[in-house]
């Protein structure tokens, strides 16, 4: 295996491994982190050159930070440590209490990258101007040396992400980006221009791309061993990505992902262009079927029509058969307020109320029958 590749985290001066360790899926037993296996996996990550570890207060039933803290004992100077503060209220004091808790759990004097967890533009704007707000407290913690750099993780709209980056508060951003979710490509490029580090979460699409797909593999036929490998290589081939986080819970997973991240050139320019062309065609075909606009909703019988059609697109357009069928099963097992409320195609009573609302004039009842036949 080649040596791990390292990249600049924006203008921070920090060098982070192209593959980062996302500590939200550590091995668990009965709701508790399996400490022995968790430390084994983390130590293997360090051994293969991973130096960027990301965690958060709530991960693994609030045990992730504790486990990471034990793993980095004696390695602190070699590790770029990232964690997140989930507080969403107006009190800087309560925000600070969670920072102090994380420092204690991690057993460290400082955190390299401290993130506002899942921050939105609206939340940020509600804090501005407040005395002792979380933002004010964060800047104070930075001045005190408890935090070296401030970041955010974000699921907001791309335009709102850019406005957050323009505040000048943040040195990095953690965002979603993968073969199936490319809406943030413009944000990634914009962040790079401003010297802001980009960390990608969900490089394998939250598990969607862990499932095999001959359709996706054929985009560069014969060049990769698995859909997951291609997904990771696609993300790392973006030159503006600092690190891609992978939630790894076995030594084998660490070894396989590290081998992929160690490639000097994850994808050639020609391979990336070929994939982008194929993806644009897949998206066009998917949009011809259903854009997910939701005008057909709500269904009087509880069918989540856009969700059914989205899963059908994964099945039909992207060849993600196992993922689509598993997702469809979960639609049938869905509970709302403690009551089982199936949202799958089987719940359709063919009332036809949805069809006049569809701007694409999709024959929804007939298509739901196709969904049921393919995925149930």
Protein backbone atom coordinates (compact mmCIF):
# COMPACT_ATOMS: atom_id res chain seq x y z
CA UNK A 1 0.00 0.00 0.00
CA UNK A 2 1.18 3.51 -0.82
CA UNK A 3 1.61 6.10 1.91
CA UNK A 4 -1.39 8.11 3.07
CA UNK A 5 -1.90 11.41 1.26
CA UNK A 6 -2.17 14.65 3.28
CA UNK A 7 -3.85 17.91 2.32
CA UNK A 8 -4.05 21.45 3.65
CA UNK A 9 -7.08 22.23 5.80
CA UNK A 10 -7.73 25.58 4.15
CA UNK A 11 -5.40 28.29 5.40
CA UNK A 12 -5.12 26.88 8.94
CA UNK A 13 -1.67 25.44 8.37
CA UNK A 14 -2.93 22.03 9.48
CA UNK A 15 -2.18 19.02 7.30
CA UNK A 16 -4.93 16.40 7.45
CA UNK A 17 -5.08 12.90 6.02
CA UNK A 18 -7.16 12.61 2.85
CA UNK A 19 -9.15 9.97 4.71
CA UNK A 20 -10.54 11.15 8.02
CA UNK A 21 -11.91 8.92 10.75
CA UNK A 22 -15.58 9.65 11.48
CA UNK A 23 -16.22 8.40 15.00
CA UNK A 24 -19.99 8.05 14.89
CA UNK A 25 -20.04 4.33 14.03
CA UNK A 26 -17.64 2.80 16.52
CA UNK A 27 -18.34 -0.89 17.33
CA UNK A 28 -21.22 -1.16 19.82
CA UNK A 29 -22.62 -3.87 22.11
CA UNK A 30 -26.04 -3.37 23.70
CA UNK A 31 -25.90 0.39 23.28
CA UNK A 32 -22.36 0.68 24.65
CA UNK A 33 -19.11 1.21 22.76
CA UNK A 34 -17.09 -1.99 22.62
CA UNK A 35 -14.00 -0.29 24.00
CA UNK A 36 -11.52 -3.03 23.08
CA UNK A 37 -12.65 -3.21 19.44
CA UNK A 38 -13.11 0.55 19.22
CA UNK A 39 -9.54 1.19 20.32
CA UNK A 40 -8.30 -1.54 17.97
CA UNK A 41 -9.96 0.16 15.00
CA UNK A 42 -8.74 3.63 15.98
CA UNK A 43 -5.19 2.41 16.54
CA UNK A 44 -5.22 0.74 13.13
CA UNK A 45 -6.34 4.08 11.67
CA UNK A 46 -3.32 5.79 13.24
CA UNK A 47 -1.04 3.00 12.02
CA UNK A 48 -2.09 3.48 8.38
CA UNK A 49 -1.52 7.23 8.56
CA UNK A 50 -4.93 8.68 9.40
CA UNK A 51 -4.33 11.76 11.55
CA UNK A 52 -7.73 13.50 11.33
CA UNK A 53 -10.30 12.27 13.86
CA UNK A 54 -13.80 13.73 13.98
CA UNK A 55 -16.33 13.11 16.73
CA UNK A 56 -19.25 14.87 18.44
CA UNK A 57 -21.05 15.08 21.78
CA UNK A 58 -23.92 12.78 20.82
CA UNK A 59 -22.13 10.10 18.80
CA UNK A 60 -22.37 6.48 19.99
CA UNK A 61 -24.73 7.29 22.86
CA UNK A 62 -22.37 10.08 24.02
CA UNK A 63 -19.45 7.65 24.33
CA UNK A 64 -17.55 8.50 21.15
CA UNK A 65 -15.57 11.40 22.63
CA UNK A 66 -14.56 9.27 25.62
CA UNK A 67 -13.31 6.47 23.36
CA UNK A 68 -11.43 8.87 21.08
CA UNK A 69 -9.85 10.46 24.15
CA UNK A 70 -8.49 7.11 25.28
CA UNK A 71 -7.21 6.34 21.77
CA UNK A 72 -5.19 9.53 21.41
CA UNK A 73 -3.36 9.29 24.73
CA UNK A 74 0.32 9.68 23.94
CA UNK A 75 -0.49 10.75 20.37
CA UNK A 76 -1.96 14.22 20.94
CA UNK A 77 0.68 16.09 18.95
CA UNK A 78 0.22 13.76 15.96
CA UNK A 79 -3.57 14.02 15.77
CA UNK A 80 -5.80 16.75 14.34
CA UNK A 81 -8.80 16.50 16.64
CA UNK A 82 -12.27 17.68 15.61
CA UNK A 83 -15.47 17.62 17.60
CA UNK A 84 -18.81 19.41 17.55
CA UNK A 85 -21.06 21.44 19.85
CA UNK A 86 -24.79 20.72 19.30
CA UNK A 87 -26.15 23.65 21.36
CA UNK A 88 -28.75 25.70 19.46
CA UNK A 89 -29.96 28.18 22.09
CA UNK A 90 -28.93 31.81 22.74
CA UNK A 91 -26.78 31.25 25.84
CA UNK A 92 -23.02 31.41 25.45
CA UNK A 93 -22.70 30.00 28.95
CA UNK A 94 -24.57 26.81 28.04
CA UNK A 95 -22.56 26.51 24.83
CA UNK A 96 -19.36 26.87 26.86
CA UNK A 97 -20.48 24.16 29.29
CA UNK A 98 -20.60 21.68 26.42
CA UNK A 99 -17.13 22.74 25.28
CA UNK A 100 -15.80 22.15 28.80
CA UNK A 101 -17.53 18.75 28.83
CA UNK A 102 -15.88 17.76 25.54
CA UNK A 103 -12.44 18.80 26.77
CA UNK A 104 -12.96 16.62 29.82
CA UNK A 105 -14.27 13.62 27.89
CA UNK A 106 -11.45 13.85 25.35
CA UNK A 107 -8.90 14.38 28.16
CA UNK A 108 -7.23 17.24 26.25
CA UNK A 109 -6.28 20.86 26.93
CA UNK A 110 -7.36 22.09 23.51
CA UNK A 111 -9.34 21.04 20.43
CA UNK A 112 -7.85 21.64 16.99
CA UNK A 113 -11.13 22.10 15.13
CA UNK A 114 -14.28 22.92 17.08
CA UNK A 115 -17.50 22.87 15.07
CA UNK A 116 -20.98 24.25 15.45
CA UNK A 117 -22.93 21.04 14.84
CA UNK A 118 -25.44 21.21 11.97
CA UNK A 119 -25.59 25.01 12.01
CA UNK A 120 -28.09 26.89 9.83
CA UNK A 121 -27.91 30.45 8.60
CA UNK A 122 -31.06 31.31 10.55
CA UNK A 123 -29.56 30.06 13.81
CA UNK A 124 -26.39 32.05 13.24
CA UNK A 125 -28.33 35.23 12.44
CA UNK A 126 -30.43 34.83 15.59
CA UNK A 127 -27.23 34.87 17.67
CA UNK A 128 -25.58 37.92 16.14
CA UNK A 129 -25.65 40.90 18.47
CA UNK A 130 -26.71 38.92 21.52
CA UNK A 131 -24.54 39.55 24.61
CA UNK A 132 -22.57 36.40 25.52
CA UNK A 133 -23.96 34.53 22.53
CA UNK A 134 -22.47 31.17 21.42
CA UNK A 135 -20.57 33.01 18.67
CA UNK A 136 -19.07 35.46 21.15
CA UNK A 137 -18.18 32.63 23.51
CA UNK A 138 -16.58 30.66 20.68
CA UNK A 139 -14.31 33.55 19.76
CA UNK A 140 -13.41 33.93 23.43
CA UNK A 141 -12.54 30.21 23.69
CA UNK A 142 -10.34 30.61 20.62
CA UNK A 143 -8.53 33.56 22.21
CA UNK A 144 -8.00 31.47 25.36
CA UNK A 145 -6.37 28.68 23.34
CA UNK A 146 -9.04 26.09 24.19
CA UNK A 147 -9.94 25.95 20.51
CA UNK A 148 -7.42 26.44 17.71
CA UNK A 149 -9.88 26.85 14.83
CA UNK A 150 -13.65 27.19 14.47
CA UNK A 151 -15.70 25.26 11.96
CA UNK A 152 -19.25 24.18 11.28
CA UNK A 153 -21.06 21.17 9.95
CA UNK A 154 -23.94 22.17 7.74
CA UNK A 155 -26.95 20.72 5.90
CA UNK A 156 -28.42 24.10 4.92
CA UNK A 157 -29.07 25.24 1.34
CA UNK A 158 -25.91 25.93 -0.69
CA UNK A 159 -26.66 29.67 -0.83
CA UNK A 160 -26.98 29.80 2.94
CA UNK A 161 -23.73 27.88 3.37
CA UNK A 162 -21.94 30.51 1.31
CA UNK A 163 -23.40 33.28 3.49
CA UNK A 164 -22.12 31.46 6.58
CA UNK A 165 -18.66 31.21 5.04
CA UNK A 166 -18.75 34.94 4.30
CA UNK A 167 -19.08 35.75 8.02
CA UNK A 168 -15.34 35.26 8.48
CA UNK A 169 -15.92 33.21 11.64
CA UNK A 170 -15.21 29.76 10.26
CA UNK A 171 -11.96 28.15 9.20
CA UNK A 172 -13.58 25.00 7.82
CA UNK A 173 -16.88 23.44 6.84
CA UNK A 174 -18.12 19.85 7.04
CA UNK A 175 -20.72 19.17 4.36
CA UNK A 176 -22.39 16.41 2.36
CA UNK A 177 -20.87 15.46 -0.99
CA UNK A 178 -20.81 12.23 -2.98
CA UNK A 179 -21.57 10.81 -6.41
CA UNK A 180 -25.32 10.96 -5.78
CA UNK A 181 -25.36 14.33 -3.92
CA UNK A 182 -23.35 16.92 -5.84
CA UNK A 183 -25.41 20.00 -5.05
CA UNK A 184 -22.62 21.39 -2.83
CA UNK A 185 -19.88 21.36 -5.48
CA UNK A 186 -20.14 25.12 -5.88
CA UNK A 187 -19.85 25.63 -2.11
CA UNK A 188 -16.72 23.46 -2.06
CA UNK A 189 -15.07 25.56 -4.77
CA UNK A 190 -16.13 28.81 -3.08
CA UNK A 191 -14.71 27.68 0.26
CA UNK A 192 -11.40 26.88 -1.40
CA UNK A 193 -11.19 30.38 -2.90
CA UNK A 194 -11.66 31.85 0.59
CA UNK A 195 -9.02 29.59 2.14
CA UNK A 196 -11.62 27.62 4.12
CA UNK A 197 -11.00 23.90 4.63
CA UNK A 198 -13.57 21.46 3.24
CA UNK A 199 -14.30 18.21 5.05
CA UNK A 200 -16.77 15.84 3.39
CA UNK A 201 -19.24 13.73 5.33
CA UNK A 202 -21.13 10.90 3.67
CA UNK A 203 -18.65 10.14 0.85
CA UNK A 204 -20.45 6.83 0.31
CA UNK A 205 -23.86 8.48 0.46
CA UNK A 206 -24.78 7.51 4.01
CA UNK A 207 -24.43 3.84 3.11
CA UNK A 208 -26.24 4.02 -0.24
CA UNK A 209 -23.01 3.55 -2.16
CA UNK A 210 -21.77 0.78 0.09
CA UNK A 211 -24.27 -1.44 -1.75
CA UNK A 212 -23.04 -2.98 -5.01
CA UNK A 213 -24.09 -1.37 -8.31
CA UNK A 214 -22.97 -2.65 -11.71
CA UNK A 215 -24.45 0.50 -13.25
CA UNK A 216 -22.12 2.78 -11.26
CA UNK A 217 -19.08 0.51 -11.64
CA UNK A 218 -19.48 0.59 -15.44
CA UNK A 219 -18.85 4.35 -15.41
CA UNK A 220 -15.12 3.48 -15.39
CA UNK A 221 -15.36 -0.24 -16.10
CA UNK A 222 -12.58 -2.44 -14.79
CA UNK A 223 -10.86 0.35 -12.85
CA UNK A 224 -12.33 -0.21 -9.35
CA UNK A 225 -13.25 -3.16 -7.17
CA UNK A 226 -16.45 -1.86 -5.55
CA UNK A 227 -19.05 0.89 -5.64
CA UNK A 228 -17.81 2.14 -2.28
CA UNK A 229 -14.25 2.43 -3.59
CA UNK A 230 -15.38 4.42 -6.62
CA UNK A 231 -17.47 6.68 -4.38
CA UNK A 232 -14.51 7.50 -2.14
CA UNK A 233 -12.18 8.01 -5.09
CA UNK A 234 -14.72 10.36 -6.69
CA UNK A 235 -14.83 12.58 -3.60
CA UNK A 236 -11.04 12.61 -3.16
CA UNK A 237 -10.49 13.44 -6.82
CA UNK A 238 -12.03 16.87 -6.12
CA UNK A 239 -8.90 19.00 -5.52
CA UNK A 240 -10.78 21.35 -3.18
CA UNK A 241 -11.65 18.62 -0.65
CA UNK A 242 -9.32 18.56 2.37
CA UNK A 243 -10.50 15.26 3.85
CA UNK A 244 -13.30 12.74 3.47
CA UNK A 245 -14.73 11.31 6.69
CA UNK A 246 -15.58 7.64 6.80
CA UNK A 247 -17.38 6.00 9.71
CA UNK A 248 -15.32 2.83 10.10
CA UNK A 249 -15.95 0.10 12.66
CA UNK A 250 -13.68 -2.75 11.53
CA UNK A 251 -9.95 -3.06 10.90
CA UNK A 252 -10.68 -4.37 7.39
CA UNK A 253 -12.71 -1.29 6.55
CA UNK A 254 -9.89 0.96 7.72
CA UNK A 255 -7.35 -0.94 5.61
CA UNK A 256 -9.50 -0.87 2.46
CA UNK A 257 -10.40 2.82 2.73
CA UNK A 258 -6.82 3.79 3.58
CA UNK A 259 -5.57 1.96 0.48
CA UNK A 260 -8.01 3.95 -1.65
CA UNK A 261 -7.11 7.27 0.02
CA UNK A 262 -3.40 6.60 -0.46
CA UNK A 263 -3.61 6.68 -4.26
CA UNK A 264 -1.62 9.59 -5.66
CA UNK A 265 -4.32 10.22 -8.26
CA UNK A 266 -7.74 8.97 -7.07
CA UNK A 267 -9.24 9.48 -10.55
CA UNK A 268 -7.75 10.82 -13.75
CA UNK A 269 -9.27 13.90 -15.38
CA UNK A 270 -10.70 11.70 -18.13
CA UNK A 271 -12.24 9.26 -15.63
CA UNK A 272 -13.82 12.09 -13.66
CA UNK A 273 -15.23 13.63 -16.84
CA UNK A 274 -16.64 10.26 -17.87
CA UNK A 275 -18.30 9.83 -14.47
CA UNK A 276 -19.74 13.37 -14.55
CA UNK A 277 -21.19 12.78 -18.03
CA UNK A 278 -22.76 9.52 -16.89
CA UNK A 279 -24.15 11.12 -13.73
CA UNK A 280 -25.70 14.00 -15.66
CA UNK A 281 -27.43 11.50 -17.92
CA UNK A 282 -28.63 9.48 -14.91
CA UNK A 283 -29.98 12.63 -13.28
CA UNK A 284 -31.79 13.60 -16.47
CA UNK A 285 -33.42 10.18 -16.63
CA UNK A 286 -34.36 10.34 -12.93
CA UNK A 287 -35.88 13.81 -13.31
CA UNK A 288 -37.91 12.63 -16.29
CA UNK A 289 -39.57 10.21 -13.93
CA UNK A 290 -39.90 12.28 -10.74
CA UNK A 291 -38.13 15.40 -9.48
CA UNK A 292 -39.35 14.97 -5.89
CA UNK A 293 -41.24 18.29 -5.96
CA UNK A 294 -43.88 16.92 -3.55
CA UNK A 295 -46.88 18.57 -5.24
CA UNK A 296 -48.63 15.18 -5.15
CA UNK A 297 -48.60 15.16 -1.36
CA UNK A 298 -50.11 14.61 1.12
CA UNK A 299 -51.57 11.24 0.26
CA UNK A 300 -54.84 10.53 2.15
CA UNK A 301 -53.68 6.94 2.66
CA UNK A 302 -50.22 7.82 3.98
CA UNK A 303 -48.14 6.84 0.94
CA UNK A 304 -44.91 8.83 0.75
CA UNK A 305 -45.00 9.09 -3.04
CA UNK A 306 -41.72 11.01 -3.55
CA UNK A 307 -39.85 8.60 -1.23
CA UNK A 308 -41.18 5.58 -3.13
CA UNK A 309 -40.18 7.10 -6.45
CA UNK A 310 -36.75 8.13 -5.15
CA UNK A 311 -36.06 4.53 -4.12
CA UNK A 312 -37.28 3.37 -7.52
CA UNK A 313 -34.78 5.72 -9.15
CA UNK A 314 -31.98 4.21 -7.07
CA UNK A 315 -33.15 0.79 -8.26
CA UNK A 316 -33.83 1.58 -11.90
CA UNK A 317 -31.38 4.38 -12.75
CA UNK A 318 -28.39 3.71 -10.47
CA UNK A 319 -28.67 -0.06 -10.04
CA UNK A 320 -28.58 0.20 -6.22
CA UNK A 321 -30.92 -2.77 -5.86
CA UNK A 322 -30.07 -3.84 -2.31
CA UNK A 323 -30.20 -0.30 -0.96
CA UNK A 324 -33.54 0.42 -2.68
CA UNK A 325 -35.17 -2.74 -1.35
CA UNK A 326 -33.90 -2.16 2.18
CA UNK A 327 -35.12 1.45 2.06
CA UNK A 328 -38.51 0.29 0.82
CA UNK A 329 -38.77 -2.16 3.70
CA UNK A 330 -38.18 0.69 6.15
CA UNK A 331 -41.02 2.68 4.58
CA UNK A 332 -43.34 -0.15 5.56
CA UNK A 333 -42.01 -0.30 9.11
CA UNK A 334 -42.18 3.45 9.74
CA UNK A 335 -43.62 4.66 13.03
CA UNK A 336 -45.02 8.14 13.69
CA UNK A 337 -45.90 9.09 17.28
CA UNK A 338 -45.56 5.47 18.32
CA UNK A 339 -48.03 4.24 15.71
CA UNK A 340 -47.03 2.10 12.75
CA UNK A 341 -47.80 4.15 9.64
CA UNK A 342 -46.75 2.36 6.43
CA UNK A 343 -45.72 4.77 3.71
CA UNK A 344 -44.90 2.24 1.03
CA UNK A 345 -46.69 1.66 -2.28
CA UNK A 346 -48.82 -1.15 -0.79
CA UNK A 347 -50.77 1.49 1.14
CA UNK A 348 -52.04 3.01 -2.12
CA UNK A 349 -55.84 2.58 -2.51
CA UNK A 350 -55.76 4.01 -6.06
CA UNK A 351 -58.01 6.95 -5.21
CA UNK A 352 -56.22 9.03 -7.85
CA UNK A 353 -56.23 12.24 -5.80
CA UNK A 354 -52.49 12.72 -6.43
CA UNK A 355 -52.38 12.53 -10.22
CA UNK A 356 -54.01 15.88 -11.17
CA UNK A 357 -51.49 17.65 -8.90
CA UNK A 358 -48.40 16.24 -10.67
CA UNK A 359 -46.79 18.85 -12.97
CA UNK A 360 -45.22 16.03 -15.02
CA UNK A 361 -48.51 14.18 -15.41
CA UNK A 362 -47.00 10.97 -14.05
CA UNK A 363 -49.41 8.04 -13.89
CA UNK A 364 -48.71 7.73 -10.19
CA UNK A 365 -51.02 4.81 -9.45
CA UNK A 366 -49.49 2.69 -12.22
CA UNK A 367 -45.95 3.65 -11.19
CA UNK A 368 -46.61 2.74 -7.58
CA UNK A 369 -47.63 -0.71 -8.78
CA UNK A 370 -44.24 -0.94 -10.50
CA UNK A 371 -42.50 0.13 -7.29
CA UNK A 372 -44.34 -2.53 -5.34
CA UNK A 373 -43.46 -5.22 -7.87
CA UNK A 374 -39.77 -4.27 -8.00
CA UNK A 375 -39.02 -3.49 -4.37
CA UNK A 376 -41.40 -5.41 -2.12
